[in-house]
């Protein structure tokens, strides 16, 4: 997936996260990742950002779902 990393920031679970947007199988997604956990991974088929993806959801006008993943240890 080709991501566009944006300047928007928010905190998820105590981690500073940055927004990225990308497309997968014809749908547009927004992901929030933290470089504080330097792994290129996230939920389902979403990865390849410079930090763990903690939240990702569809931004298409169709009904959306979100996934938040964080389990350490």
C-alpha atoms as a PDB file:
ATOM      1  CA  UNK A   1       0.000   0.000   0.000  1.00  0.00           C
ATOM      2  CA  UNK A   2       1.274   3.464  -0.835  1.00  0.00           C
ATOM      3  CA  UNK A   3       0.791   5.762   2.120  1.00  0.00           C
ATOM      4  CA  UNK A   4       0.830   9.557   2.209  1.00  0.00           C
ATOM      5  CA  UNK A   5       2.094  10.678   5.621  1.00  0.00           C
ATOM      6  CA  UNK A   6       0.376  13.850   6.820  1.00  0.00           C
ATOM      7  CA  UNK A   7       1.183  16.393   9.552  1.00  0.00           C
ATOM      8  CA  UNK A   8      -1.897  15.669  11.723  1.00  0.00           C
ATOM      9  CA  UNK A   9      -1.140  14.285  15.191  1.00  0.00           C
ATOM     10  CA  UNK A  10      -3.186  12.798  18.038  1.00  0.00           C
ATOM     11  CA  UNK A  11      -2.579  10.644  21.115  1.00  0.00           C
ATOM     12  CA  UNK A  12      -3.765   7.021  21.266  1.00  0.00           C
ATOM     13  CA  UNK A  13      -3.148   4.983  24.397  1.00  0.00           C
ATOM     14  CA  UNK A  14      -0.522   7.447  25.570  1.00  0.00           C
ATOM     15  CA  UNK A  15       1.421   7.303  22.284  1.00  0.00           C
ATOM     16  CA  UNK A  16       1.916  10.292  19.980  1.00  0.00           C
ATOM     17  CA  UNK A  17       0.515   9.220  16.598  1.00  0.00           C
ATOM     18  CA  UNK A  18       0.731  10.683  13.110  1.00  0.00           C
ATOM     19  CA  UNK A  19      -1.873  10.341  10.374  1.00  0.00           C
ATOM     20  CA  UNK A  20      -1.361   8.636   7.022  1.00  0.00           C
ATOM     21  CA  UNK A  21      -3.801   8.047   4.167  1.00  0.00           C
ATOM     22  CA  UNK A  22      -3.745   5.369   1.506  1.00  0.00           C
ATOM     23  CA  UNK A  23      -5.823   3.149  -0.773  1.00  0.00           C
ATOM     24  CA  UNK A  24      -6.303  -0.605  -0.662  1.00  0.00           C
ATOM     25  CA  UNK A  25      -8.512  -2.573  -3.067  1.00  0.00           C
ATOM     26  CA  UNK A  26     -10.299   0.570  -4.242  1.00  0.00           C
ATOM     27  CA  UNK A  27     -11.080   1.959  -0.780  1.00  0.00           C
ATOM     28  CA  UNK A  28      -9.491   4.927   0.972  1.00  0.00           C
ATOM     29  CA  UNK A  29      -8.147   4.506   4.508  1.00  0.00           C
ATOM     30  CA  UNK A  30      -6.826   6.703   7.272  1.00  0.00           C
ATOM     31  CA  UNK A  31      -4.254   5.249   9.646  1.00  0.00           C
ATOM     32  CA  UNK A  32      -2.663   6.541  12.826  1.00  0.00           C
ATOM     33  CA  UNK A  33       0.811   5.212  13.620  1.00  0.00           C
ATOM     34  CA  UNK A  34       3.427   5.817  16.296  1.00  0.00           C
ATOM     35  CA  UNK A  35       7.133   5.937  15.608  1.00  0.00           C
ATOM     36  CA  UNK A  36       7.648   5.336  19.361  1.00  0.00           C
ATOM     37  CA  UNK A  37       7.133   1.634  18.535  1.00  0.00           C
ATOM     38  CA  UNK A  38       9.404   1.233  15.476  1.00  0.00           C
ATOM     39  CA  UNK A  39       7.820  -1.767  13.752  1.00  0.00           C
ATOM     40  CA  UNK A  40       6.257  -1.728  10.280  1.00  0.00           C
ATOM     41  CA  UNK A  41       3.024  -3.459  11.283  1.00  0.00           C
ATOM     42  CA  UNK A  42      -0.664  -2.930  12.049  1.00  0.00           C
ATOM     43  CA  UNK A  43      -4.043  -4.690  11.994  1.00  0.00           C
ATOM     44  CA  UNK A  44      -5.261  -6.862   9.112  1.00  0.00           C
ATOM     45  CA  UNK A  45      -3.532  -5.963   5.793  1.00  0.00           C
ATOM     46  CA  UNK A  46      -2.207  -2.583   6.912  1.00  0.00           C
ATOM     47  CA  UNK A  47       1.521  -2.080   7.417  1.00  0.00           C
ATOM     48  CA  UNK A  48       4.573  -0.381   5.908  1.00  0.00           C
ATOM     49  CA  UNK A  49       4.505   2.863   7.872  1.00  0.00           C
ATOM     50  CA  UNK A  50       7.491   4.024   9.975  1.00  0.00           C
ATOM     51  CA  UNK A  51       5.901   2.787  13.215  1.00  0.00           C
ATOM     52  CA  UNK A  52       3.145   0.580  14.608  1.00  0.00           C
ATOM     53  CA  UNK A  53      -0.344   1.365  13.282  1.00  0.00           C
ATOM     54  CA  UNK A  54      -2.613   1.792  16.301  1.00  0.00           C
ATOM     55  CA  UNK A  55      -5.786   2.794  14.452  1.00  0.00           C
ATOM     56  CA  UNK A  56      -7.015   2.415  10.876  1.00  0.00           C
ATOM     57  CA  UNK A  57     -10.413   2.934   9.263  1.00  0.00           C
ATOM     58  CA  UNK A  58     -12.101   3.500   5.931  1.00  0.00           C
ATOM     59  CA  UNK A  59     -12.775   7.116   4.970  1.00  0.00           C
ATOM     60  CA  UNK A  60     -15.082   6.208   2.083  1.00  0.00           C
ATOM     61  CA  UNK A  61     -18.720   7.306   2.341  1.00  0.00           C
ATOM     62  CA  UNK A  62     -19.771   3.666   2.867  1.00  0.00           C
ATOM     63  CA  UNK A  63     -20.296   2.462   6.432  1.00  0.00           C
ATOM     64  CA  UNK A  64     -16.867   2.256   8.023  1.00  0.00           C
ATOM     65  CA  UNK A  65     -15.233   0.155  10.654  1.00  0.00           C
ATOM     66  CA  UNK A  66     -12.164   0.875  12.694  1.00  0.00           C
ATOM     67  CA  UNK A  67      -9.515  -1.337  14.195  1.00  0.00           C
ATOM     68  CA  UNK A  68      -7.293  -0.367  17.066  1.00  0.00           C
ATOM     69  CA  UNK A  69      -4.465  -2.708  18.017  1.00  0.00           C
ATOM     70  CA  UNK A  70      -2.102  -2.553  20.946  1.00  0.00           C
ATOM     71  CA  UNK A  71      -0.885  -5.536  22.912  1.00  0.00           C
ATOM     72  CA  UNK A  72       2.598  -5.451  24.361  1.00  0.00           C
ATOM     73  CA  UNK A  73       4.301  -8.412  25.963  1.00  0.00           C
END
